[in-house]
Amino acid sequence: MEQHRCVWANGDPLLERYHDEEWGNPLCDDQKQFEFLSLEVMQCGLSWMTILRKRAAMQAAFDQFDYQKIACYRDDKIAELLENPGIIRSRKKIEAIIHNAKCFLKIQEAEGSFSKYLWSFVNGVPQRYPDGERNRPYNELSEQISTDLKKRGFKFLGRVTTYSHLQAAGIINDHDAACFKSREGQAVKPAEILGSTVLVAVDRPLGSVHPSHPDIVYPVNYGYVPGILGGDGEAQDVYLLGVDQPVPSCRAVILAVVHRRDDNEDKWIAAPERYTFSKEAIWEQVWFQEQYFDSELIMVDE
């Protein structure tokens, strides 16, 4: 069976590999976020193929886009970069990347991580727009984020460049409907957003009775993440810990995943920000239901 990908991603093995392995995957790794941002800065006015062909050279030249190192670059390093024929030798773009690294660190300090900051604009849920609203140069979301980034000092990240980054980082899902990576009808892999903040809609509040098994009473709030599909094709289910009263919804951080070896859907573990739980504490709170499955618990730091 032929595998279909986005129309723009065909014809060059380098472009196809970038699309298949990276573009549009929900991204929560700050190192990769900064690399993608920097590549977008370098791309301004150029073709994306030019950037991909020079990417390996730029990774080597910019210390694998280690933003902590880049924030410390001085004039001698800028001079070295300007002499490197393998990269985009634009002084303004190079200086913007160095400046952005310093702004990036400030966001990490203020928000905990850059990924957390960026995903907060969409409550942790990848945005999928109707056909006529996809793949535009920019939209309201990219304008909002670009404006905020500029207020925080970032350079070369206007609404168009920001939109491109949101696509690449999976915050906006702009895969063609026929593309094999389109999220339409597909589940988001839990490991892709461990540590992310999401909006949990609670449909089985603490103290409620299981709709099919009246002997099961929920000792925790239990719900789902709107817009994200689980392995069963329905909304992804979530145990909400750290909330000791029934609630209709709650913004929470995904702490762990209960992987069910004998079921088609994993269950996510989430709690309000600043709450942490050991494996033992998590199992104790979800055992009322997980005791019936062959499960393992995958934590954020594993």
Protein backbone atom coordinates (compact mmCIF):
# COMPACT_ATOMS: atom_id res chain seq x y z
CA MET A 1 0.00 0.00 0.00
CA GLU A 2 1.42 3.37 -1.03
CA GLN A 3 2.17 5.74 1.83
CA HIS A 4 0.89 9.26 1.26
CA ARG A 5 2.60 12.27 2.79
CA CYS A 6 1.97 16.02 2.60
CA VAL A 7 2.22 17.27 -0.97
CA TRP A 8 5.07 19.69 -0.18
CA ALA A 9 7.20 16.91 1.35
CA ASN A 10 7.69 14.77 -1.75
CA GLY A 11 10.54 14.60 -4.22
CA ASP A 12 13.69 14.87 -2.10
CA PRO A 13 14.88 12.18 0.36
CA LEU A 14 16.13 14.79 2.83
CA LEU A 15 12.80 16.62 2.82
CA GLU A 16 10.83 13.38 3.02
CA ARG A 17 12.85 12.18 6.02
CA TYR A 18 12.38 15.53 7.80
CA HIS A 19 8.64 15.34 7.23
CA ASP A 20 8.31 11.68 8.20
CA GLU A 21 10.49 11.77 11.31
CA GLU A 22 10.21 15.31 12.68
CA TRP A 23 7.81 17.82 11.16
CA GLY A 24 4.58 18.14 13.09
CA ASN A 25 5.49 15.76 15.93
CA PRO A 26 4.27 17.29 19.23
CA LEU A 27 7.53 18.69 20.59
CA CYS A 28 8.24 19.08 24.30
CA ASP A 29 12.05 19.01 24.29
CA ASP A 30 13.55 22.47 24.88
CA GLN A 31 16.81 21.69 23.08
CA LYS A 32 14.93 20.73 19.94
CA GLN A 33 12.57 23.69 20.34
CA PHE A 34 15.53 26.06 20.26
CA GLU A 35 17.07 24.32 17.26
CA PHE A 36 13.80 24.56 15.34
CA LEU A 37 13.41 28.24 16.27
CA SER A 38 16.96 28.96 15.13
CA LEU A 39 16.49 27.14 11.84
CA GLU A 40 13.37 29.23 11.23
CA VAL A 41 15.42 32.38 11.88
CA MET A 42 18.02 31.21 9.38
CA GLN A 43 15.33 30.33 6.83
CA CYS A 44 13.90 33.86 6.59
CA GLY A 45 14.07 34.80 2.89
CA LEU A 46 15.46 31.41 1.86
CA SER A 47 14.04 28.02 0.87
CA TRP A 48 13.58 25.33 3.48
CA MET A 49 15.64 22.92 1.36
CA THR A 50 18.60 25.28 1.70
CA ILE A 51 18.25 25.07 5.48
CA LEU A 52 17.94 21.29 5.52
CA ARG A 53 21.05 20.90 3.36
CA LYS A 54 23.03 23.13 5.71
CA ARG A 55 21.49 21.79 8.91
CA ALA A 56 24.27 19.37 9.85
CA ALA A 57 26.90 22.08 9.34
CA MET A 58 24.86 24.53 11.43
CA GLN A 59 24.43 21.96 14.21
CA ALA A 60 28.20 21.54 14.35
CA ALA A 61 28.88 25.28 14.16
CA PHE A 62 26.33 26.20 16.86
CA ASP A 63 27.28 23.53 19.41
CA GLN A 64 24.27 21.38 18.50
CA PHE A 65 22.12 24.44 19.25
CA ASP A 66 22.94 24.30 22.95
CA TYR A 67 21.22 27.54 23.95
CA GLN A 68 23.21 27.82 27.19
CA LYS A 69 26.47 27.85 25.24
CA ILE A 70 25.08 30.07 22.48
CA ALA A 71 23.95 32.67 25.03
CA CYS A 72 27.63 33.09 25.93
CA TYR A 73 28.92 33.61 22.38
CA ARG A 74 31.11 36.70 21.98
CA ASP A 75 32.57 38.64 19.05
CA ASP A 76 35.29 36.07 18.36
CA LYS A 77 32.69 33.32 17.96
CA ILE A 78 30.59 35.52 15.68
CA ALA A 79 33.67 36.17 13.54
CA GLU A 80 34.30 32.42 13.38
CA LEU A 81 30.74 31.74 12.28
CA LEU A 82 30.88 34.41 9.60
CA GLU A 83 33.88 32.61 8.10
CA ASN A 84 32.10 29.24 8.01
CA PRO A 85 31.01 28.46 4.40
CA GLY A 86 28.74 25.63 5.52
CA ILE A 87 26.18 27.83 7.28
CA ILE A 88 24.03 30.87 6.48
CA ARG A 89 26.54 33.68 6.96
CA SER A 90 24.23 36.49 7.93
CA ARG A 91 25.50 38.61 10.81
CA LYS A 92 21.99 39.78 11.70
CA LYS A 93 20.65 36.23 11.84
CA ILE A 94 23.62 34.93 13.83
CA GLU A 95 23.31 37.78 16.31
CA ALA A 96 19.55 37.16 16.54
CA ILE A 97 20.13 33.50 17.45
CA ILE A 98 22.58 34.51 20.18
CA HIS A 99 20.17 37.13 21.49
CA ASN A 100 17.24 34.68 21.34
CA ALA A 101 19.22 32.15 23.39
CA LYS A 102 19.37 34.67 26.23
CA CYS A 103 15.63 35.32 25.94
CA PHE A 104 15.01 31.57 25.81
CA LEU A 105 16.81 31.11 29.13
CA LYS A 106 14.69 33.84 30.71
CA ILE A 107 11.50 32.07 29.66
CA GLN A 108 12.82 28.82 31.12
CA GLU A 109 13.53 30.59 34.39
CA ALA A 110 10.11 32.22 34.49
CA GLU A 111 7.95 29.38 33.16
CA GLY A 112 9.87 26.22 34.01
CA SER A 113 10.53 25.32 30.38
CA PHE A 114 10.11 26.90 26.97
CA SER A 115 7.95 24.00 25.82
CA LYS A 116 5.62 24.46 28.76
CA TYR A 117 5.35 28.17 27.92
CA LEU A 118 4.59 27.52 24.26
CA TRP A 119 2.07 24.73 24.80
CA SER A 120 0.24 26.82 27.39
CA PHE A 121 -1.20 28.92 24.54
CA VAL A 122 -3.21 25.86 23.41
CA ASN A 123 -3.77 24.17 26.79
CA GLY A 124 -1.44 21.38 25.70
CA VAL A 125 -3.65 20.30 22.80
CA PRO A 126 -2.39 20.29 19.17
CA GLN A 127 -4.57 22.56 17.05
CA ARG A 128 -6.27 21.09 13.99
CA TYR A 129 -8.09 23.62 11.81
CA PRO A 130 -10.68 23.07 9.04
CA ASP A 131 -9.31 22.46 5.54
CA GLY A 132 -9.69 26.06 4.41
CA GLU A 133 -7.77 27.38 7.42
CA ARG A 134 -4.69 25.14 7.20
CA ASN A 135 -1.24 26.03 5.88
CA ARG A 136 -1.80 29.77 5.92
CA PRO A 137 1.13 32.19 6.25
CA TYR A 138 -0.09 33.08 9.74
CA ASN A 139 -3.17 33.05 11.95
CA GLU A 140 -4.44 34.52 15.22
CA LEU A 141 -2.48 32.03 17.29
CA SER A 142 0.84 32.78 15.60
CA GLU A 143 0.15 36.51 15.92
CA GLN A 144 -0.58 36.12 19.63
CA ILE A 145 2.56 34.09 20.29
CA SER A 146 4.76 36.24 18.06
CA THR A 147 3.59 39.35 19.88
CA ASP A 148 4.42 37.79 23.23
CA LEU A 149 7.82 36.58 22.03
CA LYS A 150 8.67 40.06 20.79
CA LYS A 151 7.66 41.56 24.14
CA ARG A 152 10.11 39.12 25.71
CA GLY A 153 12.85 40.36 23.39
CA PHE A 154 12.99 37.68 20.66
CA LYS A 155 14.12 38.72 17.18
CA PHE A 156 13.30 37.42 13.67
CA LEU A 157 10.17 35.71 14.99
CA GLY A 158 7.29 37.52 13.32
CA ARG A 159 3.85 36.01 12.88
CA VAL A 160 4.79 34.12 9.68
CA THR A 161 8.01 32.63 11.07
CA THR A 162 6.23 31.79 14.33
CA TYR A 163 3.46 30.01 12.41
CA SER A 164 6.10 27.87 10.67
CA HIS A 165 7.59 26.97 14.03
CA LEU A 166 4.20 26.04 15.47
CA GLN A 167 3.68 23.70 12.51
CA ALA A 168 7.10 22.10 12.90
CA ALA A 169 6.65 21.68 16.67
CA GLY A 170 3.25 20.01 16.29
CA ILE A 171 1.37 22.76 18.10
CA ILE A 172 -0.50 23.41 14.88
CA ASN A 173 -1.24 20.17 13.05
CA ASP A 174 -1.17 21.13 9.38
CA HIS A 175 -0.54 17.73 7.84
CA ASP A 176 -2.66 17.18 4.74
CA ALA A 177 -5.78 15.14 5.45
CA ALA A 178 -4.45 12.33 3.22
CA CYS A 179 -1.03 12.34 4.88
CA PHE A 180 -0.15 9.25 6.91
CA LYS A 181 0.92 11.54 9.76
CA SER A 182 -2.36 13.41 9.94
CA ARG A 183 -3.77 13.14 13.45
CA GLU A 184 -7.29 12.74 12.09
CA GLY A 185 -8.39 9.41 13.48
CA GLN A 186 -4.97 8.68 15.01
CA ALA A 187 -3.84 8.67 18.60
CA VAL A 188 -1.14 10.99 19.89
CA LYS A 189 1.65 8.92 21.44
CA PRO A 190 1.67 9.56 25.20
CA ALA A 191 5.47 9.77 25.37
CA GLU A 192 5.35 12.77 23.06
CA ILE A 193 3.74 15.02 25.67
CA LEU A 194 4.91 13.67 29.02
CA GLY A 195 5.59 16.72 31.17
CA SER A 196 3.20 18.91 29.18
CA THR A 197 0.35 20.93 30.61
CA VAL A 198 -3.11 19.92 29.35
CA LEU A 199 -6.71 20.74 30.09
CA VAL A 200 -8.41 17.74 31.69
CA ALA A 201 -12.20 17.62 31.30
CA VAL A 202 -13.60 15.58 34.19
CA ASP A 203 -16.58 13.38 33.29
CA ARG A 204 -16.27 10.98 36.25
CA PRO A 205 -15.65 13.18 39.28
CA LEU A 206 -14.28 12.01 42.59
CA GLY A 207 -16.95 9.97 44.42
CA SER A 208 -18.92 9.07 41.28
CA VAL A 209 -19.81 5.51 40.27
CA HIS A 210 -18.42 3.77 37.18
CA PRO A 211 -21.16 3.82 34.48
CA SER A 212 -20.74 0.11 33.68
CA HIS A 213 -19.48 -1.27 36.99
CA PRO A 214 -21.53 0.09 39.94
CA ASP A 215 -19.18 -1.56 42.42
CA ILE A 216 -16.38 0.82 41.36
CA VAL A 217 -16.43 4.25 43.01
CA TYR A 218 -13.88 6.78 41.77
CA PRO A 219 -11.47 7.82 44.58
CA VAL A 220 -9.94 10.41 42.22
CA ASN A 221 -11.25 12.67 39.49
CA TYR A 222 -11.16 10.93 36.11
CA GLY A 223 -11.62 12.48 32.71
CA TYR A 224 -10.12 13.06 29.30
CA VAL A 225 -8.08 15.51 27.22
CA PRO A 226 -10.28 17.19 24.58
CA GLY A 227 -8.82 16.99 21.08
CA ILE A 228 -6.40 14.12 21.76
CA LEU A 229 -7.33 10.58 20.81
CA GLY A 230 -6.45 7.50 22.80
CA GLY A 231 -5.65 4.09 21.39
CA ASP A 232 -9.33 3.14 21.33
CA GLY A 233 -10.18 6.04 19.01
CA GLU A 234 -11.93 7.97 21.76
CA ALA A 235 -10.66 10.95 23.75
CA GLN A 236 -7.55 10.16 25.80
CA ASP A 237 -8.46 9.18 29.38
CA VAL A 238 -6.66 10.73 32.35
CA TYR A 239 -6.46 10.08 36.08
CA LEU A 240 -6.38 13.49 37.79
CA LEU A 241 -4.45 13.33 41.07
CA GLY A 242 -3.85 15.99 43.69
CA VAL A 243 -7.41 17.39 43.63
CA ASP A 244 -9.35 16.31 46.72
CA GLN A 245 -12.80 17.43 45.63
CA PRO A 246 -14.97 16.90 42.54
CA VAL A 247 -14.14 19.37 39.74
CA PRO A 248 -15.50 19.84 36.20
CA SER A 249 -12.08 20.50 34.69
CA CYS A 250 -8.49 21.28 35.63
CA ARG A 251 -5.25 22.35 33.98
CA ALA A 252 -2.70 19.72 34.90
CA VAL A 253 0.75 18.37 34.04
CA ILE A 254 1.13 14.87 32.63
CA LEU A 255 3.31 13.03 35.16
CA ALA A 256 3.16 9.46 33.94
CA VAL A 257 1.50 6.94 31.65
CA VAL A 258 -0.14 3.69 32.66
CA HIS A 259 0.70 1.36 29.79
CA ARG A 260 -1.78 -1.49 29.60
CA ARG A 261 -0.23 -4.51 27.94
CA ASP A 262 -3.61 -6.20 27.57
CA ASP A 263 -5.68 -3.22 26.40
CA ASN A 264 -5.69 -0.92 23.38
CA GLU A 265 -5.51 2.31 25.39
CA ASP A 266 -2.99 3.69 27.84
CA LYS A 267 -4.15 5.90 30.71
CA TRP A 268 -2.43 9.16 31.52
CA ILE A 269 -1.63 10.43 35.01
CA ALA A 270 -1.89 14.17 35.56
CA ALA A 271 -1.84 16.57 38.51
CA PRO A 272 -1.91 20.33 39.01
CA GLU A 273 1.43 22.09 38.63
CA ARG A 274 3.95 21.58 41.47
CA TYR A 275 2.40 18.26 42.54
CA THR A 276 4.68 15.23 42.40
CA PHE A 277 3.98 11.61 43.26
CA SER A 278 6.13 8.53 43.61
CA LYS A 279 5.34 5.40 41.62
CA GLU A 280 3.98 3.81 44.77
CA ALA A 281 1.70 6.77 45.48
CA ILE A 282 0.37 6.74 41.92
CA TRP A 283 -0.32 3.01 41.94
CA GLU A 284 -2.12 3.33 45.26
CA GLN A 285 -4.51 5.93 43.81
CA VAL A 286 -5.25 4.20 40.50
CA TRP A 287 -5.20 0.58 41.67
CA PHE A 288 -8.99 0.59 42.10
CA GLN A 289 -9.18 0.25 38.32
CA GLU A 290 -5.73 -0.84 37.16
CA GLN A 291 -5.84 -4.01 39.27
CA TYR A 292 -7.92 -5.55 36.49
CA PHE A 293 -5.22 -5.03 33.84
CA ASP A 294 -1.63 -6.07 33.17
CA SER A 295 -0.11 -2.61 33.45
CA GLU A 296 3.20 -0.83 33.89
CA LEU A 297 3.82 2.77 34.90
CA ILE A 298 6.04 5.04 32.80
CA MET A 299 7.23 8.16 34.58
CA VAL A 300 8.35 11.51 33.13
CA ASP A 301 11.98 11.12 34.24
CA GLU A 302 12.46 7.59 32.96
